[in-house]
Amino acid sequence: MVYGGLRSARWLRNFKQGPIVSAFRNLETGQVLFSQTLHPQQFYIDQQFKWPNWQNKKPTTRKDIWRPLAVTQLPTWDLAVQLYKNIVQLRDQRDWLSRKQANDWRRKNSDGNIWFWNQYRPTYSHEAVADLLSAIEAINPSKDRAVIIHWDHLYRKGPADIWKDLNVQHLDMMRHNPREQFVLLNEIRSKALEIAEKYSIEDAENYRMEQENRKSQGLPTDPELKEKEIQEKNARSAALKLKRQENRSKLLESRPDLKELSIRAAAVREAAYAVKEAEAAFDPYTPRGQRGLAKQPIKLRKIALRQAKRSFRELKRRIARSKNKRMVKQLEVRLQLNRKSLQI
């Protein structure tokens, strides 16, 4: 499912989308858009360009101005979703929370604005590579399953020193015509999907063997622990509900006025339910001459509902006046002042 431009791991797996995060660069402005699929889409633009300005305008989804910068291939779908979340958080941090500090780090021209040539600003692609590096560091990929990044050109990854502590494999994309862009990306997607399904089968088998070992050792398995946790939660909820009912019954026994108030509140609910029943039973295709008679039950039940609400409000005000002595005194003082003013 899509939640604000984020596709879940289940969605990616069900629709045969590989665990990838694609980065597309804009040929006109140098902006970079990250996507969980093989295309730039509008909800990704809306999520990553929340605060556009004249130096960082919101781009369009024109296919002829977007070219793949890098395609990150991850072992599992959960890691792909987490990587995209980290990238979006870094983008929000740069564009809003720490925008002044981020702007100070950018190369400026003589006017103090971001350096550009016509509409192109190269700093955006540099920042995108830095975000990708930081996001991969945050997910902490395992040593036996490497993260593969397919670059448009290998020089875009920057110096090799910044990647040496990570289990990341860098590959160069095949030189291609823009018309063959989707074919190339789809081939990367199919390979990533095949590897991810293989890892998924291995993880499922390892999990099954682990649970069997725990069961043979007399230890509770994960399903048993989860079932026990649910039972304990239900028991706590039932005990809390019973305690609440006992406290309510004690309060109503000690306060007859509150007991009467609860009875009148129940009467209001019953009257409202009766009105809904009458409205549901009304046939909208009733002839015009018979509609008045057909609507008579609805009118009578609405009158009963108004009477029940009026009775409930009167008792509620009476209880409030009896408990709020300060308000009663103020009313008495006001009445006395009004009488004196009338006498004058």
C-alpha atoms as a PDB file:
ATOM      1  CA  MET A   1       0.000   0.000   0.000  1.00  0.00           C
ATOM      2  CA  VAL A   2       0.967   3.637  -0.444  1.00  0.00           C
ATOM      3  CA  TYR A   3       1.229   5.828   2.646  1.00  0.00           C
ATOM      4  CA  GLY A   4       2.217   9.348   1.669  1.00  0.00           C
ATOM      5  CA  GLY A   5       4.403   8.163  -1.218  1.00  0.00           C
ATOM      6  CA  LEU A   6       5.872   5.148   0.598  1.00  0.00           C
ATOM      7  CA  ARG A   7       5.334   1.653  -0.742  1.00  0.00           C
ATOM      8  CA  SER A   8       5.488  -1.096   1.842  1.00  0.00           C
ATOM      9  CA  ALA A   9       7.647  -4.199   1.612  1.00  0.00           C
ATOM     10  CA  ARG A  10       4.542  -6.339   1.096  1.00  0.00           C
ATOM     11  CA  TRP A  11       3.439  -4.188  -1.840  1.00  0.00           C
ATOM     12  CA  LEU A  12       6.864  -4.377  -3.458  1.00  0.00           C
ATOM     13  CA  ARG A  13       6.961  -8.133  -3.077  1.00  0.00           C
ATOM     14  CA  ASN A  14       3.402  -8.788  -4.265  1.00  0.00           C
ATOM     15  CA  PHE A  15       3.839  -6.688  -7.407  1.00  0.00           C
ATOM     16  CA  LYS A  16       7.208  -8.259  -8.262  1.00  0.00           C
ATOM     17  CA  GLN A  17       9.186  -5.105  -7.605  1.00  0.00           C
ATOM     18  CA  GLY A  18      12.746  -5.863  -6.630  1.00  0.00           C
ATOM     19  CA  PRO A  19      14.240  -4.485  -3.396  1.00  0.00           C
ATOM     20  CA  ILE A  20      15.766  -1.481  -5.131  1.00  0.00           C
ATOM     21  CA  VAL A  21      15.947   2.281  -4.611  1.00  0.00           C
ATOM     22  CA  SER A  22      16.424   4.199  -7.849  1.00  0.00           C
ATOM     23  CA  ALA A  23      17.971   7.671  -8.040  1.00  0.00           C
ATOM     24  CA  PHE A  24      17.121   9.788 -11.086  1.00  0.00           C
ATOM     25  CA  ARG A  25      18.901  13.036 -11.994  1.00  0.00           C
ATOM     26  CA  ASN A  26      17.217  15.924 -13.744  1.00  0.00           C
ATOM     27  CA  LEU A  27      19.084  16.973 -16.886  1.00  0.00           C
ATOM     28  CA  GLU A  28      17.862  20.578 -16.654  1.00  0.00           C
ATOM     29  CA  THR A  29      18.314  21.423 -12.973  1.00  0.00           C
ATOM     30  CA  GLY A  30      20.596  18.718 -11.549  1.00  0.00           C
ATOM     31  CA  GLN A  31      17.983  17.751  -8.953  1.00  0.00           C
ATOM     32  CA  VAL A  32      17.851  14.134  -7.827  1.00  0.00           C
ATOM     33  CA  LEU A  33      14.689  12.130  -7.151  1.00  0.00           C
ATOM     34  CA  PHE A  34      14.722   8.815  -5.280  1.00  0.00           C
ATOM     35  CA  SER A  35      12.085   6.238  -6.160  1.00  0.00           C
ATOM     36  CA  GLN A  36      11.158   2.734  -5.034  1.00  0.00           C
ATOM     37  CA  THR A  37      10.199   1.784  -8.584  1.00  0.00           C
ATOM     38  CA  LEU A  38      11.708   2.206 -12.051  1.00  0.00           C
ATOM     39  CA  HIS A  39       9.990   5.522 -12.822  1.00  0.00           C
ATOM     40  CA  PRO A  40       9.840   9.040 -11.358  1.00  0.00           C
ATOM     41  CA  GLN A  41       6.318   9.401  -9.951  1.00  0.00           C
ATOM     42  CA  GLN A  42       4.392  12.392  -8.648  1.00  0.00           C
ATOM     43  CA  PHE A  43       3.913  11.234  -5.059  1.00  0.00           C
ATOM     44  CA  TYR A  44       7.682  10.775  -4.706  1.00  0.00           C
ATOM     45  CA  ILE A  45       8.168  14.340  -5.963  1.00  0.00           C
ATOM     46  CA  ASP A  46       5.577  15.637  -3.493  1.00  0.00           C
ATOM     47  CA  GLN A  47       7.298  13.815  -0.646  1.00  0.00           C
ATOM     48  CA  GLN A  48      10.868  14.884  -1.399  1.00  0.00           C
ATOM     49  CA  PHE A  49      10.219  18.484  -2.533  1.00  0.00           C
ATOM     50  CA  LYS A  50       7.962  19.758   0.245  1.00  0.00           C
ATOM     51  CA  TRP A  51       9.489  23.256   0.471  1.00  0.00           C
ATOM     52  CA  PRO A  52      10.354  24.373  -3.076  1.00  0.00           C
ATOM     53  CA  ASN A  53      11.848  27.784  -3.810  1.00  0.00           C
ATOM     54  CA  TRP A  54      13.310  29.606  -6.793  1.00  0.00           C
ATOM     55  CA  GLN A  55      16.629  27.747  -6.420  1.00  0.00           C
ATOM     56  CA  ASN A  56      15.035  24.332  -5.848  1.00  0.00           C
ATOM     57  CA  LYS A  57      11.788  24.295  -7.810  1.00  0.00           C
ATOM     58  CA  LYS A  58       9.433  21.330  -7.753  1.00  0.00           C
ATOM     59  CA  PRO A  59      10.222  19.249 -10.862  1.00  0.00           C
ATOM     60  CA  THR A  60       7.811  17.526 -13.204  1.00  0.00           C
ATOM     61  CA  THR A  61       7.498  13.875 -14.209  1.00  0.00           C
ATOM     62  CA  ARG A  62       8.599  14.400 -17.811  1.00  0.00           C
ATOM     63  CA  LYS A  63      10.390  11.221 -18.835  1.00  0.00           C
ATOM     64  CA  ASP A  64      12.756  12.945 -21.259  1.00  0.00           C
ATOM     65  CA  ILE A  65      14.514  15.001 -18.543  1.00  0.00           C
ATOM     66  CA  TRP A  66      15.166  12.194 -16.026  1.00  0.00           C
ATOM     67  CA  ARG A  67      18.125   9.851 -16.324  1.00  0.00           C
ATOM     68  CA  PRO A  68      19.191   7.124 -13.867  1.00  0.00           C
ATOM     69  CA  LEU A  69      21.955   8.255 -11.547  1.00  0.00           C
ATOM     70  CA  ALA A  70      22.215   5.089  -9.446  1.00  0.00           C
ATOM     71  CA  VAL A  71      20.139   2.009  -8.680  1.00  0.00           C
ATOM     72  CA  THR A  72      20.746   0.516  -5.240  1.00  0.00           C
ATOM     73  CA  GLN A  73      20.041  -3.198  -4.988  1.00  0.00           C
ATOM     74  CA  LEU A  74      19.430  -4.550  -1.465  1.00  0.00           C
ATOM     75  CA  PRO A  75      19.103  -8.101  -0.124  1.00  0.00           C
ATOM     76  CA  THR A  76      15.557  -7.773   1.285  1.00  0.00           C
ATOM     77  CA  TRP A  77      12.473  -5.638   0.759  1.00  0.00           C
ATOM     78  CA  ASP A  78      12.453  -4.428   4.367  1.00  0.00           C
ATOM     79  CA  LEU A  79      15.956  -3.005   3.942  1.00  0.00           C
ATOM     80  CA  ALA A  80      14.873  -1.278   0.728  1.00  0.00           C
ATOM     81  CA  VAL A  81      11.956   0.405   2.500  1.00  0.00           C
ATOM     82  CA  GLN A  82      14.182   1.420   5.407  1.00  0.00           C
ATOM     83  CA  LEU A  83      16.800   2.842   3.033  1.00  0.00           C
ATOM     84  CA  TYR A  84      14.206   4.980   1.294  1.00  0.00           C
ATOM     85  CA  LYS A  85      12.866   6.210   4.654  1.00  0.00           C
ATOM     86  CA  ASN A  86      16.366   7.228   5.735  1.00  0.00           C
ATOM     87  CA  ILE A  87      16.931   9.133   2.492  1.00  0.00           C
ATOM     88  CA  VAL A  88      13.648  11.032   2.876  1.00  0.00           C
ATOM     89  CA  GLN A  89      14.512  11.927   6.482  1.00  0.00           C
ATOM     90  CA  LEU A  90      17.883  13.293   5.375  1.00  0.00           C
ATOM     91  CA  ARG A  91      16.193  15.308   2.626  1.00  0.00           C
ATOM     92  CA  ASP A  92      13.767  16.810   5.175  1.00  0.00           C
ATOM     93  CA  GLN A  93      16.674  17.577   7.487  1.00  0.00           C
ATOM     94  CA  ARG A  94      18.517  19.453   4.749  1.00  0.00           C
ATOM     95  CA  ASP A  95      15.527  21.286   3.259  1.00  0.00           C
ATOM     96  CA  TRP A  96      13.834  22.356   6.482  1.00  0.00           C
ATOM     97  CA  LEU A  97      15.312  21.521   9.895  1.00  0.00           C
ATOM     98  CA  SER A  98      18.970  22.344   9.095  1.00  0.00           C
ATOM     99  CA  ARG A  99      18.567  24.304   5.887  1.00  0.00           C
ATOM    100  CA  LYS A 100      20.819  27.184   6.992  1.00  0.00           C
ATOM    101  CA  GLN A 101      23.725  24.867   7.810  1.00  0.00           C
ATOM    102  CA  ALA A 102      23.189  22.860   4.611  1.00  0.00           C
ATOM    103  CA  ASN A 103      23.124  26.044   2.564  1.00  0.00           C
ATOM    104  CA  ASP A 104      26.412  27.180   4.130  1.00  0.00           C
ATOM    105  CA  TRP A 105      28.116  24.007   2.900  1.00  0.00           C
ATOM    106  CA  ARG A 106      27.064  24.564  -0.716  1.00  0.00           C
ATOM    107  CA  ARG A 107      29.275  26.251  -3.271  1.00  0.00           C
ATOM    108  CA  LYS A 108      28.184  29.854  -3.891  1.00  0.00           C
ATOM    109  CA  ASN A 109      28.627  32.303  -6.724  1.00  0.00           C
ATOM    110  CA  SER A 110      29.531  35.986  -6.441  1.00  0.00           C
ATOM    111  CA  ASP A 111      25.918  36.865  -5.589  1.00  0.00           C
ATOM    112  CA  GLY A 112      25.855  34.471  -2.630  1.00  0.00           C
ATOM    113  CA  ASN A 113      23.451  32.030  -4.306  1.00  0.00           C
ATOM    114  CA  ILE A 114      24.001  28.361  -5.104  1.00  0.00           C
ATOM    115  CA  TRP A 115      26.465  28.082  -8.002  1.00  0.00           C
ATOM    116  CA  PHE A 116      24.683  27.269 -11.248  1.00  0.00           C
ATOM    117  CA  TRP A 117      25.107  27.289 -14.988  1.00  0.00           C
ATOM    118  CA  ASN A 118      21.876  28.359 -16.662  1.00  0.00           C
ATOM    119  CA  GLN A 119      19.389  26.226 -14.640  1.00  0.00           C
ATOM    120  CA  TYR A 120      21.799  23.434 -13.679  1.00  0.00           C
ATOM    121  CA  ARG A 121      23.133  23.135 -10.100  1.00  0.00           C
ATOM    122  CA  PRO A 122      25.610  20.252  -9.629  1.00  0.00           C
ATOM    123  CA  THR A 123      25.497  20.397  -5.822  1.00  0.00           C
ATOM    124  CA  TYR A 124      22.212  18.484  -5.735  1.00  0.00           C
ATOM    125  CA  SER A 125      23.731  15.323  -7.227  1.00  0.00           C
ATOM    126  CA  HIS A 126      26.666  15.526  -4.781  1.00  0.00           C
ATOM    127  CA  GLU A 127      24.253  15.800  -1.856  1.00  0.00           C
ATOM    128  CA  ALA A 128      22.231  12.856  -3.170  1.00  0.00           C
ATOM    129  CA  VAL A 129      25.321  10.617  -3.201  1.00  0.00           C
ATOM    130  CA  ALA A 130      26.147  11.729   0.355  1.00  0.00           C
ATOM    131  CA  ASP A 131      22.574  10.951   1.446  1.00  0.00           C
ATOM    132  CA  LEU A 132      22.777   7.517  -0.148  1.00  0.00           C
ATOM    133  CA  LEU A 133      26.042   6.779   1.672  1.00  0.00           C
ATOM    134  CA  SER A 134      24.659   7.907   5.047  1.00  0.00           C
ATOM    135  CA  ALA A 135      21.426   5.959   4.555  1.00  0.00           C
ATOM    136  CA  ILE A 136      23.331   2.750   3.765  1.00  0.00           C
ATOM    137  CA  GLU A 137      25.480   3.259   6.867  1.00  0.00           C
ATOM    138  CA  ALA A 138      22.309   3.601   8.951  1.00  0.00           C
ATOM    139  CA  ILE A 139      20.749   0.311   7.812  1.00  0.00           C
ATOM    140  CA  ASN A 140      24.042  -1.487   8.600  1.00  0.00           C
ATOM    141  CA  PRO A 141      23.998  -4.224   5.906  1.00  0.00           C
ATOM    142  CA  SER A 142      25.298  -7.658   6.831  1.00  0.00           C
ATOM    143  CA  LYS A 143      28.793  -8.781   5.858  1.00  0.00           C
ATOM    144  CA  ASP A 144      27.672 -11.850   3.911  1.00  0.00           C
ATOM    145  CA  ARG A 145      25.056 -10.039   1.798  1.00  0.00           C
ATOM    146  CA  ALA A 146      26.468  -7.100  -0.102  1.00  0.00           C
ATOM    147  CA  VAL A 147      24.578  -4.041  -1.250  1.00  0.00           C
ATOM    148  CA  ILE A 148      25.025  -3.523  -4.997  1.00  0.00           C
ATOM    149  CA  ILE A 149      24.904  -0.044  -6.541  1.00  0.00           C
ATOM    150  CA  HIS A 150      24.620   0.297 -10.312  1.00  0.00           C
ATOM    151  CA  TRP A 151      26.040   3.713 -11.248  1.00  0.00           C
ATOM    152  CA  ASP A 152      25.433   5.701 -14.395  1.00  0.00           C
ATOM    153  CA  HIS A 153      29.192   6.437 -14.309  1.00  0.00           C
ATOM    154  CA  LEU A 154      31.522   5.138 -11.627  1.00  0.00           C
ATOM    155  CA  TYR A 155      33.035   8.573 -11.073  1.00  0.00           C
ATOM    156  CA  ARG A 156      29.722   9.679  -9.523  1.00  0.00           C
ATOM    157  CA  LYS A 157      30.310   7.534  -6.424  1.00  0.00           C
ATOM    158  CA  GLY A 158      33.140   9.821  -5.344  1.00  0.00           C
ATOM    159  CA  PRO A 159      36.407   8.712  -3.730  1.00  0.00           C
ATOM    160  CA  ALA A 160      36.721   5.058  -2.761  1.00  0.00           C
ATOM    161  CA  ASP A 161      37.791   5.922   0.807  1.00  0.00           C
ATOM    162  CA  ILE A 162      34.277   6.886   1.879  1.00  0.00           C
ATOM    163  CA  TRP A 163      32.917   3.435   0.925  1.00  0.00           C
ATOM    164  CA  LYS A 164      35.680   1.230   2.327  1.00  0.00           C
ATOM    165  CA  ASP A 165      33.940   0.451   5.655  1.00  0.00           C
ATOM    166  CA  LEU A 166      30.748  -0.763   3.975  1.00  0.00           C
ATOM    167  CA  ASN A 167      29.976  -4.030   2.240  1.00  0.00           C
ATOM    168  CA  VAL A 168      28.969  -2.310  -0.994  1.00  0.00           C
ATOM    169  CA  GLN A 169      29.704  -3.484  -4.517  1.00  0.00           C
ATOM    170  CA  HIS A 170      29.874  -0.801  -7.228  1.00  0.00           C
ATOM    171  CA  LEU A 171      28.964  -1.663 -10.808  1.00  0.00           C
ATOM    172  CA  ASP A 172      28.876   0.472 -13.929  1.00  0.00           C
ATOM    173  CA  MET A 173      25.699   0.480 -15.994  1.00  0.00           C
ATOM    174  CA  MET A 174      25.862  -0.519 -19.597  1.00  0.00           C
ATOM    175  CA  ARG A 175      25.986   2.453 -21.969  1.00  0.00           C
ATOM    176  CA  HIS A 176      22.522   2.749 -23.448  1.00  0.00           C
ATOM    177  CA  ASN A 177      20.232   4.915 -25.508  1.00  0.00           C
ATOM    178  CA  PRO A 178      17.572   6.835 -23.521  1.00  0.00           C
ATOM    179  CA  ARG A 179      14.907   4.805 -25.313  1.00  0.00           C
ATOM    180  CA  GLU A 180      16.423   1.646 -23.793  1.00  0.00           C
ATOM    181  CA  GLN A 181      16.470   3.047 -20.262  1.00  0.00           C
ATOM    182  CA  PHE A 182      13.474   1.059 -19.014  1.00  0.00           C
ATOM    183  CA  VAL A 183      14.823  -2.176 -20.523  1.00  0.00           C
ATOM    184  CA  LEU A 184      18.097  -1.766 -18.631  1.00  0.00           C
ATOM    185  CA  LEU A 185      16.386  -0.869 -15.350  1.00  0.00           C
ATOM    186  CA  ASN A 186      13.928  -3.729 -15.731  1.00  0.00           C
ATOM    187  CA  GLU A 187      16.828  -6.158 -16.133  1.00  0.00           C
ATOM    188  CA  ILE A 188      18.346  -4.862 -12.872  1.00  0.00           C
ATOM    189  CA  ARG A 189      14.930  -5.241 -11.204  1.00  0.00           C
ATOM    190  CA  SER A 190      14.541  -8.855 -12.345  1.00  0.00           C
ATOM    191  CA  LYS A 191      18.011  -9.784 -11.068  1.00  0.00           C
ATOM    192  CA  ALA A 192      17.379  -8.066  -7.736  1.00  0.00           C
ATOM    193  CA  LEU A 193      14.033  -9.856  -7.438  1.00  0.00           C
ATOM    194  CA  GLU A 194      15.640 -13.241  -8.104  1.00  0.00           C
ATOM    195  CA  ILE A 195      18.367 -12.683  -5.489  1.00  0.00           C
ATOM    196  CA  ALA A 196      15.873 -11.362  -2.916  1.00  0.00           C
ATOM    197  CA  GLU A 197      13.588 -14.377  -3.341  1.00  0.00           C
ATOM    198  CA  LYS A 198      16.593 -16.657  -2.887  1.00  0.00           C
ATOM    199  CA  TYR A 199      17.553 -14.861   0.340  1.00  0.00           C
ATOM    200  CA  SER A 200      13.937 -14.979   1.487  1.00  0.00           C
ATOM    201  CA  ILE A 201      13.814 -18.765   1.090  1.00  0.00           C
ATOM    202  CA  GLU A 202      17.091 -19.093   2.999  1.00  0.00           C
ATOM    203  CA  ASP A 203      15.801 -16.884   5.825  1.00  0.00           C
ATOM    204  CA  ALA A 204      12.567 -18.871   6.055  1.00  0.00           C
ATOM    205  CA  GLU A 205      14.475 -22.153   6.238  1.00  0.00           C
ATOM    206  CA  ASN A 206      16.863 -20.798   8.881  1.00  0.00           C
ATOM    207  CA  TYR A 207      13.936 -19.511  10.925  1.00  0.00           C
ATOM    208  CA  ARG A 208      12.162 -22.881  10.720  1.00  0.00           C
ATOM    209  CA  MET A 209      15.286 -24.742  11.850  1.00  0.00           C
ATOM    210  CA  GLU A 210      15.813 -22.285  14.692  1.00  0.00           C
ATOM    211  CA  GLN A 211      12.250 -22.810  15.942  1.00  0.00           C
ATOM    212  CA  GLU A 212      12.640 -26.586  15.722  1.00  0.00           C
ATOM    213  CA  ASN A 213      15.851 -26.399  17.759  1.00  0.00           C
ATOM    214  CA  ARG A 214      14.124 -24.283  20.404  1.00  0.00           C
ATOM    215  CA  LYS A 215      11.249 -26.746  20.538  1.00  0.00           C
ATOM    216  CA  SER A 216      13.603 -29.735  20.875  1.00  0.00           C
ATOM    217  CA  GLN A 217      15.398 -27.978  23.750  1.00  0.00           C
ATOM    218  CA  GLY A 218      12.116 -27.371  25.549  1.00  0.00           C
ATOM    219  CA  LEU A 219      12.154 -23.617  24.950  1.00  0.00           C
ATOM    220  CA  PRO A 220       9.050 -21.751  23.772  1.00  0.00           C
ATOM    221  CA  THR A 221       8.906 -20.877  20.088  1.00  0.00           C
ATOM    222  CA  ASP A 222       8.065 -17.445  18.709  1.00  0.00           C
ATOM    223  CA  PRO A 223       4.408 -18.313  17.891  1.00  0.00           C
ATOM    224  CA  GLU A 224       3.948 -19.659  21.425  1.00  0.00           C
ATOM    225  CA  LEU A 225       5.509 -16.537  22.933  1.00  0.00           C
ATOM    226  CA  LYS A 226       3.296 -14.346  20.785  1.00  0.00           C
ATOM    227  CA  GLU A 227       0.170 -16.297  21.744  1.00  0.00           C
ATOM    228  CA  LYS A 228       1.108 -16.058  25.418  1.00  0.00           C
ATOM    229  CA  GLU A 229       1.643 -12.312  25.099  1.00  0.00           C
ATOM    230  CA  ILE A 230      -1.785 -11.906  23.476  1.00  0.00           C
ATOM    231  CA  GLN A 231      -3.436 -13.933  26.251  1.00  0.00           C
ATOM    232  CA  GLU A 232      -1.754 -11.828  28.933  1.00  0.00           C
ATOM    233  CA  LYS A 233      -2.828  -8.643  27.187  1.00  0.00           C
ATOM    234  CA  ASN A 234      -6.432  -9.851  26.954  1.00  0.00           C
ATOM    235  CA  ALA A 235      -6.382 -10.847  30.625  1.00  0.00           C
ATOM    236  CA  ARG A 236      -5.116  -7.396  31.638  1.00  0.00           C
ATOM    237  CA  SER A 237      -7.792  -5.722  29.523  1.00  0.00           C
ATOM    238  CA  ALA A 238     -10.532  -7.898  31.036  1.00  0.00           C
ATOM    239  CA  ALA A 239      -9.315  -7.196  34.585  1.00  0.00           C
ATOM    240  CA  LEU A 240      -9.162  -3.469  33.885  1.00  0.00           C
ATOM    241  CA  LYS A 241     -12.662  -3.502  32.418  1.00  0.00           C
ATOM    242  CA  LEU A 242     -14.031  -5.420  35.419  1.00  0.00           C
ATOM    243  CA  LYS A 243     -12.344  -3.004  37.829  1.00  0.00           C
ATOM    244  CA  ARG A 244     -13.795  -0.041  35.949  1.00  0.00           C
ATOM    245  CA  GLN A 245     -17.291  -1.542  36.115  1.00  0.00           C
ATOM    246  CA  GLU A 246     -16.950  -2.157  39.859  1.00  0.00           C
ATOM    247  CA  ASN A 247     -15.827   1.413  40.490  1.00  0.00           C
ATOM    248  CA  ARG A 248     -18.690   2.722  38.380  1.00  0.00           C
ATOM    249  CA  SER A 249     -21.275   0.624  40.211  1.00  0.00           C
ATOM    250  CA  LYS A 250     -19.934   1.789  43.590  1.00  0.00           C
ATOM    251  CA  LEU A 251     -20.059   5.405  42.479  1.00  0.00           C
ATOM    252  CA  LEU A 252     -23.631   5.059  41.232  1.00  0.00           C
ATOM    253  CA  GLU A 253     -24.713   3.423  44.499  1.00  0.00           C
ATOM    254  CA  SER A 254     -23.246   6.278  46.526  1.00  0.00           C
ATOM    255  CA  ARG A 255     -24.598   8.972  44.173  1.00  0.00           C
ATOM    256  CA  PRO A 256     -28.281   8.501  43.232  1.00  0.00           C
ATOM    257  CA  ASP A 257     -28.165  11.641  41.088  1.00  0.00           C
ATOM    258  CA  LEU A 258     -25.396  10.189  38.918  1.00  0.00           C
ATOM    259  CA  LYS A 259     -27.319   6.942  38.634  1.00  0.00           C
ATOM    260  CA  GLU A 260     -30.323   8.838  37.363  1.00  0.00           C
ATOM    261  CA  LEU A 261     -28.049  10.727  34.962  1.00  0.00           C
ATOM    262  CA  SER A 262     -26.698   7.458  33.522  1.00  0.00           C
ATOM    263  CA  ILE A 263     -30.267   6.192  33.066  1.00  0.00           C
ATOM    264  CA  ARG A 264     -31.218   9.330  31.151  1.00  0.00           C
ATOM    265  CA  ALA A 265     -28.059   9.070  29.027  1.00  0.00           C
ATOM    266  CA  ALA A 266     -29.051   5.513  28.112  1.00  0.00           C
ATOM    267  CA  ALA A 267     -32.509   6.804  27.208  1.00  0.00           C
ATOM    268  CA  VAL A 268     -30.919   9.359  24.865  1.00  0.00           C
ATOM    269  CA  ARG A 269     -28.915   6.629  23.147  1.00  0.00           C
ATOM    270  CA  GLU A 270     -32.006   4.445  22.739  1.00  0.00           C
ATOM    271  CA  ALA A 271     -33.983   7.344  21.290  1.00  0.00           C
ATOM    272  CA  ALA A 272     -31.193   8.147  18.814  1.00  0.00           C
ATOM    273  CA  TYR A 273     -31.074   4.497  17.742  1.00  0.00           C
ATOM    274  CA  ALA A 274     -34.852   4.505  17.273  1.00  0.00           C
ATOM    275  CA  VAL A 275     -34.581   7.562  15.006  1.00  0.00           C
ATOM    276  CA  LYS A 276     -31.965   5.807  12.875  1.00  0.00           C
ATOM    277  CA  GLU A 277     -34.181   2.724  12.617  1.00  0.00           C
ATOM    278  CA  ALA A 278     -37.134   4.809  11.481  1.00  0.00           C
ATOM    279  CA  GLU A 279     -35.034   6.668   8.903  1.00  0.00           C
ATOM    280  CA  ALA A 280     -33.698   3.356   7.561  1.00  0.00           C
ATOM    281  CA  ALA A 281     -37.238   1.963   7.270  1.00  0.00           C
ATOM    282  CA  PHE A 282     -38.459   4.955   5.254  1.00  0.00           C
ATOM    283  CA  ASP A 283     -38.904   4.215   1.550  1.00  0.00           C
ATOM    284  CA  PRO A 284     -37.605   7.134  -0.569  1.00  0.00           C
ATOM    285  CA  TYR A 285     -39.800   6.004  -3.478  1.00  0.00           C
ATOM    286  CA  THR A 286     -43.016   6.593  -1.535  1.00  0.00           C
ATOM    287  CA  PRO A 287     -45.563   8.605  -3.570  1.00  0.00           C
ATOM    288  CA  ARG A 288     -45.751  12.284  -2.715  1.00  0.00           C
ATOM    289  CA  GLY A 289     -49.229  12.122  -1.266  1.00  0.00           C
ATOM    290  CA  GLN A 290     -48.219   9.409   1.207  1.00  0.00           C
ATOM    291  CA  ARG A 291     -44.849  10.764   2.348  1.00  0.00           C
ATOM    292  CA  GLY A 292     -46.269  12.789   5.223  1.00  0.00           C
ATOM    293  CA  LEU A 293     -47.877   9.727   6.753  1.00  0.00           C
ATOM    294  CA  ALA A 294     -44.770   7.617   6.060  1.00  0.00           C
ATOM    295  CA  LYS A 295     -42.540  10.162   7.810  1.00  0.00           C
ATOM    296  CA  GLN A 296     -44.760  10.356  10.881  1.00  0.00           C
ATOM    297  CA  PRO A 297     -42.779   7.687  12.855  1.00  0.00           C
ATOM    298  CA  ILE A 298     -39.573   9.608  12.189  1.00  0.00           C
ATOM    299  CA  LYS A 299     -41.094  12.862  13.470  1.00  0.00           C
ATOM    300  CA  LEU A 300     -42.457  11.216  16.613  1.00  0.00           C
ATOM    301  CA  ARG A 301     -39.140   9.562  17.426  1.00  0.00           C
ATOM    302  CA  LYS A 302     -37.262  12.825  16.862  1.00  0.00           C
ATOM    303  CA  ILE A 303     -39.616  14.517  19.321  1.00  0.00           C
ATOM    304  CA  ALA A 304     -38.884  11.747  21.833  1.00  0.00           C
ATOM    305  CA  LEU A 305     -35.149  12.223  21.240  1.00  0.00           C
ATOM    306  CA  ARG A 306     -35.391  15.982  21.880  1.00  0.00           C
ATOM    307  CA  GLN A 307     -37.329  15.353  25.086  1.00  0.00           C
ATOM    308  CA  ALA A 308     -34.762  12.810  26.286  1.00  0.00           C
ATOM    309  CA  LYS A 309     -31.906  15.228  25.562  1.00  0.00           C
ATOM    310  CA  ARG A 310     -33.711  18.063  27.326  1.00  0.00           C
ATOM    311  CA  SER A 311     -34.292  15.901  30.387  1.00  0.00           C
ATOM    312  CA  PHE A 312     -30.643  14.827  30.408  1.00  0.00           C
ATOM    313  CA  ARG A 313     -29.379  18.422  30.148  1.00  0.00           C
ATOM    314  CA  GLU A 314     -31.670  19.649  32.929  1.00  0.00           C
ATOM    315  CA  LEU A 315     -30.469  16.968  35.338  1.00  0.00           C
ATOM    316  CA  LYS A 316     -26.853  17.625  34.377  1.00  0.00           C
ATOM    317  CA  ARG A 317     -27.248  21.354  35.117  1.00  0.00           C
ATOM    318  CA  ARG A 318     -28.958  20.581  38.414  1.00  0.00           C
ATOM    319  CA  ILE A 319     -26.070  18.350  39.499  1.00  0.00           C
ATOM    320  CA  ALA A 320     -23.528  20.977  38.437  1.00  0.00           C
ATOM    321  CA  ARG A 321     -25.331  23.702  40.438  1.00  0.00           C
ATOM    322  CA  SER A 322     -25.496  21.539  43.519  1.00  0.00           C
ATOM    323  CA  LYS A 323     -21.757  20.806  43.414  1.00  0.00           C
ATOM    324  CA  ASN A 324     -20.456  24.190  42.250  1.00  0.00           C
ATOM    325  CA  LYS A 325     -21.290  26.388  45.238  1.00  0.00           C
ATOM    326  CA  ARG A 326     -19.189  29.280  43.955  1.00  0.00           C
ATOM    327  CA  MET A 327     -21.272  29.500  40.795  1.00  0.00           C
ATOM    328  CA  VAL A 328     -24.488  29.506  42.846  1.00  0.00           C
ATOM    329  CA  LYS A 329     -23.190  32.344  45.026  1.00  0.00           C
ATOM    330  CA  GLN A 330     -22.253  34.380  41.977  1.00  0.00           C
ATOM    331  CA  LEU A 331     -25.745  33.935  40.568  1.00  0.00           C
ATOM    332  CA  GLU A 332     -27.307  35.030  43.855  1.00  0.00           C
ATOM    333  CA  VAL A 333     -25.076  38.126  43.985  1.00  0.00           C
ATOM    334  CA  ARG A 334     -25.973  39.048  40.433  1.00  0.00           C
ATOM    335  CA  LEU A 335     -29.674  38.705  41.192  1.00  0.00           C
ATOM    336  CA  GLN A 336     -29.311  40.965  44.225  1.00  0.00           C
ATOM    337  CA  LEU A 337     -27.458  43.588  42.176  1.00  0.00           C
ATOM    338  CA  ASN A 338     -30.127  43.470  39.495  1.00  0.00           C
ATOM    339  CA  ARG A 339     -32.845  43.990  42.099  1.00  0.00           C
ATOM    340  CA  LYS A 340     -30.994  46.984  43.574  1.00  0.00           C
ATOM    341  CA  SER A 341     -30.503  48.504  40.128  1.00  0.00           C
ATOM    342  CA  LEU A 342     -34.217  48.090  39.403  1.00  0.00           C
ATOM    343  CA  GLN A 343     -35.132  49.752  42.690  1.00  0.00           C
ATOM    344  CA  ILE A 344     -32.854  52.692  41.871  1.00  0.00           C
END
